Amino acid sequence: MSNKIFVGGLAWATDERGLEEAFSSYGEITEAKVVRDRATGRSRGFGFVTFANSTAAREAMEQMNDSMLDGRSIRVDLAQERDNSSRDRGPRDRGPRY
């Protein structure tokens, strides 16, 4: 199992420190990241928490899913590896349009 979990449904005001504080009771956190819009800097409403070990990540995922954080119900799941293959292709390499 991965050490990284996805946290969705975050309040706009939730920052990295708040995210880390909410999950720190489950184990050592190596990174807490709130994803932000590049243009505005505003939270996109989700983030990631990376734990030092997978046992802590699993427990946090099970205990925190559907819980409340900063007045919002959050969804916690395993983080999925990002597929960057579509980013490498240019607009002309997308194949036929139907």
N, C-alpha and C. Protein backbone atom coordinates (compact mmCIF):
# COMPACT_ATOMS: atom_id res chain seq x y z
N MET A 1 0.83 -1.19 0.00
CA MET A 1 0.00 0.00 0.00
C MET A 1 0.87 1.24 0.00
N SER A 2 0.38 2.28 -0.62
CA SER A 2 1.09 3.54 -0.71
C SER A 2 1.05 4.28 0.63
N ASN A 3 2.00 5.17 0.82
CA ASN A 3 2.04 6.01 2.02
C ASN A 3 1.30 7.33 1.80
N LYS A 4 0.83 7.56 0.58
CA LYS A 4 0.23 8.84 0.22
C LYS A 4 -1.28 8.70 0.08
N ILE A 5 -2.02 9.62 0.74
CA ILE A 5 -3.47 9.59 0.65
C ILE A 5 -3.99 10.88 0.04
N PHE A 6 -5.11 10.77 -0.62
CA PHE A 6 -5.83 11.89 -1.22
C PHE A 6 -6.87 12.37 -0.22
N VAL A 7 -7.00 13.69 -0.08
CA VAL A 7 -8.02 14.27 0.80
C VAL A 7 -8.83 15.25 -0.03
N GLY A 8 -10.09 14.95 -0.26
CA GLY A 8 -10.96 15.80 -1.06
C GLY A 8 -12.05 16.45 -0.22
N GLY A 9 -12.64 17.51 -0.75
CA GLY A 9 -13.71 18.22 -0.06
C GLY A 9 -13.20 19.22 0.95
N LEU A 10 -11.96 19.67 0.80
CA LEU A 10 -11.39 20.62 1.76
C LEU A 10 -12.06 21.98 1.68
N ALA A 11 -12.17 22.63 2.81
CA ALA A 11 -12.66 24.00 2.86
C ALA A 11 -11.61 24.91 2.21
N TRP A 12 -12.05 26.02 1.64
CA TRP A 12 -11.11 26.94 0.99
C TRP A 12 -10.05 27.43 1.97
N ALA A 13 -10.41 27.52 3.25
CA ALA A 13 -9.49 28.05 4.26
C ALA A 13 -8.48 27.03 4.77
N THR A 14 -8.67 25.76 4.48
CA THR A 14 -7.74 24.74 4.97
C THR A 14 -6.39 24.89 4.27
N ASP A 15 -5.34 24.98 5.08
CA ASP A 15 -3.99 25.09 4.52
C ASP A 15 -3.17 23.86 4.92
N GLU A 16 -1.90 23.84 4.51
CA GLU A 16 -1.05 22.69 4.77
C GLU A 16 -0.91 22.41 6.27
N ARG A 17 -0.78 23.46 7.06
CA ARG A 17 -0.62 23.28 8.50
C ARG A 17 -1.86 22.63 9.11
N GLY A 18 -3.05 23.10 8.72
CA GLY A 18 -4.29 22.53 9.21
C GLY A 18 -4.47 21.09 8.78
N LEU A 19 -4.08 20.80 7.54
CA LEU A 19 -4.17 19.43 7.03
C LEU A 19 -3.24 18.52 7.82
N GLU A 20 -2.03 18.97 8.07
CA GLU A 20 -1.07 18.18 8.83
C GLU A 20 -1.55 17.96 10.26
N GLU A 21 -2.08 19.00 10.89
CA GLU A 21 -2.58 18.87 12.26
C GLU A 21 -3.73 17.87 12.35
N ALA A 22 -4.61 17.87 11.35
CA ALA A 22 -5.76 16.97 11.36
C ALA A 22 -5.35 15.51 11.27
N PHE A 23 -4.25 15.22 10.58
CA PHE A 23 -3.85 13.85 10.34
C PHE A 23 -2.66 13.39 11.19
N SER A 24 -2.05 14.28 11.94
CA SER A 24 -0.82 13.95 12.66
C SER A 24 -1.00 12.90 13.76
N SER A 25 -2.19 12.74 14.27
CA SER A 25 -2.39 11.76 15.34
C SER A 25 -2.28 10.31 14.84
N TYR A 26 -2.24 10.11 13.54
CA TYR A 26 -2.18 8.76 12.98
C TYR A 26 -0.77 8.30 12.68
N GLY A 27 0.20 9.19 12.76
CA GLY A 27 1.59 8.80 12.52
C GLY A 27 2.40 9.96 11.97
N GLU A 28 3.67 9.67 11.73
CA GLU A 28 4.60 10.69 11.23
C GLU A 28 4.25 11.08 9.78
N ILE A 29 4.11 12.38 9.57
CA ILE A 29 3.78 12.90 8.25
C ILE A 29 5.05 13.48 7.63
N THR A 30 5.32 13.07 6.39
CA THR A 30 6.49 13.61 5.70
C THR A 30 6.13 14.80 4.82
N GLU A 31 4.85 14.89 4.40
CA GLU A 31 4.41 16.03 3.60
C GLU A 31 2.89 16.16 3.66
N ALA A 32 2.43 17.39 3.76
CA ALA A 32 1.00 17.71 3.65
C ALA A 32 0.91 18.83 2.63
N LYS A 33 0.10 18.62 1.58
CA LYS A 33 0.04 19.56 0.47
C LYS A 33 -1.40 19.84 0.09
N VAL A 34 -1.77 21.12 0.06
CA VAL A 34 -3.06 21.54 -0.46
C VAL A 34 -2.81 22.03 -1.88
N VAL A 35 -3.53 21.49 -2.84
CA VAL A 35 -3.33 21.85 -4.24
C VAL A 35 -4.04 23.17 -4.50
N ARG A 36 -3.31 24.08 -5.14
CA ARG A 36 -3.82 25.43 -5.39
C ARG A 36 -3.88 25.73 -6.88
N ASP A 37 -4.81 26.60 -7.25
CA ASP A 37 -4.93 27.06 -8.62
C ASP A 37 -3.71 27.91 -8.96
N ARG A 38 -3.11 27.67 -10.09
CA ARG A 38 -1.90 28.41 -10.48
C ARG A 38 -2.16 29.89 -10.68
N ALA A 39 -3.28 30.22 -11.25
CA ALA A 39 -3.57 31.62 -11.59
C ALA A 39 -3.98 32.43 -10.37
N THR A 40 -4.81 31.86 -9.51
CA THR A 40 -5.37 32.64 -8.40
C THR A 40 -4.72 32.34 -7.05
N GLY A 41 -4.08 31.18 -6.92
CA GLY A 41 -3.50 30.78 -5.65
C GLY A 41 -4.52 30.23 -4.67
N ARG A 42 -5.77 30.18 -5.08
CA ARG A 42 -6.86 29.67 -4.24
C ARG A 42 -6.82 28.14 -4.22
N SER A 43 -7.19 27.58 -3.07
CA SER A 43 -7.25 26.13 -2.93
C SER A 43 -8.20 25.55 -3.97
N ARG A 44 -7.84 24.39 -4.51
CA ARG A 44 -8.73 23.69 -5.44
C ARG A 44 -9.64 22.72 -4.70
N GLY A 45 -9.56 22.68 -3.36
CA GLY A 45 -10.46 21.86 -2.57
C GLY A 45 -9.99 20.43 -2.32
N PHE A 46 -8.72 20.16 -2.64
CA PHE A 46 -8.19 18.84 -2.33
C PHE A 46 -6.70 18.93 -2.05
N GLY A 47 -6.18 17.87 -1.47
CA GLY A 47 -4.76 17.84 -1.14
C GLY A 47 -4.29 16.42 -0.93
N PHE A 48 -3.06 16.31 -0.47
CA PHE A 48 -2.44 15.02 -0.26
C PHE A 48 -1.67 15.03 1.05
N VAL A 49 -1.68 13.90 1.74
CA VAL A 49 -0.89 13.73 2.96
C VAL A 49 -0.04 12.48 2.75
N THR A 50 1.27 12.63 2.96
CA THR A 50 2.18 11.51 2.83
C THR A 50 2.70 11.14 4.21
N PHE A 51 2.55 9.88 4.57
CA PHE A 51 2.99 9.37 5.86
C PHE A 51 4.33 8.66 5.72
N ALA A 52 5.03 8.51 6.84
CA ALA A 52 6.31 7.81 6.84
C ALA A 52 6.14 6.32 6.58
N ASN A 53 4.94 5.76 6.91
CA ASN A 53 4.72 4.34 6.64
C ASN A 53 3.28 4.08 6.22
N SER A 54 3.08 2.97 5.58
CA SER A 54 1.77 2.65 5.00
C SER A 54 0.73 2.29 6.06
N THR A 55 1.16 1.78 7.21
CA THR A 55 0.21 1.44 8.27
C THR A 55 -0.49 2.69 8.77
N ALA A 56 0.26 3.76 8.99
CA ALA A 56 -0.32 5.03 9.43
C ALA A 56 -1.26 5.59 8.36
N ALA A 57 -0.86 5.49 7.10
CA ALA A 57 -1.69 5.99 6.00
C ALA A 57 -3.02 5.24 5.95
N ARG A 58 -2.97 3.93 6.10
CA ARG A 58 -4.18 3.11 6.06
C ARG A 58 -5.12 3.47 7.22
N GLU A 59 -4.56 3.61 8.42
CA GLU A 59 -5.39 3.95 9.58
C GLU A 59 -6.02 5.33 9.41
N ALA A 60 -5.24 6.30 8.95
CA ALA A 60 -5.76 7.65 8.75
C ALA A 60 -6.87 7.64 7.71
N MET A 61 -6.68 6.88 6.65
CA MET A 61 -7.68 6.80 5.59
C MET A 61 -8.99 6.23 6.14
N GLU A 62 -8.89 5.16 6.89
CA GLU A 62 -10.09 4.51 7.44
C GLU A 62 -10.80 5.39 8.46
N GLN A 63 -10.05 6.07 9.31
CA GLN A 63 -10.65 6.85 10.38
C GLN A 63 -11.15 8.23 9.93
N MET A 64 -10.48 8.83 8.96
CA MET A 64 -10.81 10.20 8.58
C MET A 64 -11.78 10.31 7.42
N ASN A 65 -12.00 9.24 6.68
CA ASN A 65 -12.95 9.30 5.56
C ASN A 65 -14.34 9.65 6.08
N ASP A 66 -14.99 10.57 5.43
CA ASP A 66 -16.33 11.06 5.80
C ASP A 66 -16.37 11.78 7.15
N SER A 67 -15.22 12.26 7.61
CA SER A 67 -15.20 13.04 8.85
C SER A 67 -15.28 14.53 8.51
N MET A 68 -15.38 15.36 9.52
CA MET A 68 -15.48 16.81 9.33
C MET A 68 -14.12 17.46 9.57
N LEU A 69 -13.75 18.37 8.69
CA LEU A 69 -12.54 19.17 8.83
C LEU A 69 -12.86 20.59 8.41
N ASP A 70 -12.68 21.53 9.30
CA ASP A 70 -12.97 22.94 9.03
C ASP A 70 -14.39 23.14 8.50
N GLY A 71 -15.34 22.38 9.07
CA GLY A 71 -16.74 22.54 8.71
C GLY A 71 -17.17 21.84 7.44
N ARG A 72 -16.31 21.04 6.85
CA ARG A 72 -16.63 20.31 5.62
C ARG A 72 -16.42 18.82 5.81
N SER A 73 -17.27 18.03 5.18
CA SER A 73 -17.11 16.59 5.18
C SER A 73 -16.04 16.25 4.14
N ILE A 74 -15.00 15.54 4.57
CA ILE A 74 -13.90 15.23 3.65
C ILE A 74 -13.96 13.78 3.20
N ARG A 75 -13.39 13.55 2.03
CA ARG A 75 -13.26 12.20 1.48
C ARG A 75 -11.78 11.86 1.47
N VAL A 76 -11.44 10.71 2.01
CA VAL A 76 -10.04 10.29 2.09
C VAL A 76 -9.90 8.95 1.39
N ASP A 77 -8.92 8.86 0.51
CA ASP A 77 -8.71 7.65 -0.27
C ASP A 77 -7.22 7.54 -0.59
N LEU A 78 -6.82 6.40 -1.12
CA LEU A 78 -5.44 6.25 -1.57
C LEU A 78 -5.18 7.20 -2.74
N ALA A 79 -4.03 7.80 -2.75
CA ALA A 79 -3.65 8.67 -3.87
C ALA A 79 -3.33 7.78 -5.07
N GLN A 80 -3.80 8.19 -6.22
CA GLN A 80 -3.53 7.45 -7.45
C GLN A 80 -2.31 8.08 -8.14
N GLU A 81 -1.47 7.22 -8.68
CA GLU A 81 -0.32 7.72 -9.44
C GLU A 81 -0.82 8.47 -10.66
N ARG A 82 -0.22 9.57 -10.95
CA ARG A 82 -0.64 10.41 -12.07
C ARG A 82 -0.04 9.89 -13.37
N ASP A 83 -0.87 9.79 -14.39
CA ASP A 83 -0.42 9.36 -15.70
C ASP A 83 -0.09 10.59 -16.53
N ASN A 84 1.19 10.81 -16.76
CA ASN A 84 1.63 12.00 -17.49
C ASN A 84 1.76 11.77 -18.98
N SER A 85 1.37 10.61 -19.46
CA SER A 85 1.57 10.31 -20.88
C SER A 85 0.78 11.27 -21.78
N SER A 86 -0.40 11.71 -21.37
CA SER A 86 -1.19 12.62 -22.20
C SER A 86 -0.59 14.02 -22.23
N ARG A 87 0.20 14.37 -21.23
CA ARG A 87 0.84 15.69 -21.20
C ARG A 87 2.00 15.78 -22.18
N ASP A 88 2.58 14.65 -22.53
CA ASP A 88 3.73 14.65 -23.41
C ASP A 88 3.36 14.85 -24.87
N ARG A 89 2.11 14.63 -25.17
CA ARG A 89 1.69 14.73 -26.57
C ARG A 89 1.22 16.14 -26.87
N GLY A 90 1.53 16.58 -28.05
CA GLY A 90 1.07 17.88 -28.50
C GLY A 90 -0.33 17.81 -29.03
N PRO A 91 -0.92 18.95 -29.39
CA PRO A 91 -2.31 18.95 -29.86
C PRO A 91 -2.52 18.17 -31.14
N ARG A 92 -1.50 18.03 -31.95
CA ARG A 92 -1.64 17.29 -33.21
C ARG A 92 -1.52 15.77 -33.02
N ASP A 93 -1.09 15.35 -31.85
CA ASP A 93 -0.88 13.93 -31.58
C ASP A 93 -2.04 13.28 -30.85
N ARG A 94 -3.16 13.91 -30.79
CA ARG A 94 -4.28 13.37 -30.02
C ARG A 94 -5.09 12.34 -30.79
N GLY A 95 -4.78 12.13 -32.01
CA GLY A 95 -5.51 11.13 -32.78
C GLY A 95 -6.66 11.76 -33.55
N PRO A 96 -7.41 10.93 -34.24
CA PRO A 96 -8.50 11.45 -35.07
C PRO A 96 -9.65 11.99 -34.22
N ARG A 97 -10.31 12.98 -34.76
CA ARG A 97 -11.50 13.52 -34.11
C ARG A 97 -12.72 13.03 -34.87
N TYR A 98 -13.69 12.55 -34.14
CA TYR A 98 -14.89 12.02 -34.77
C TYR A 98 -16.08 12.85 -34.40
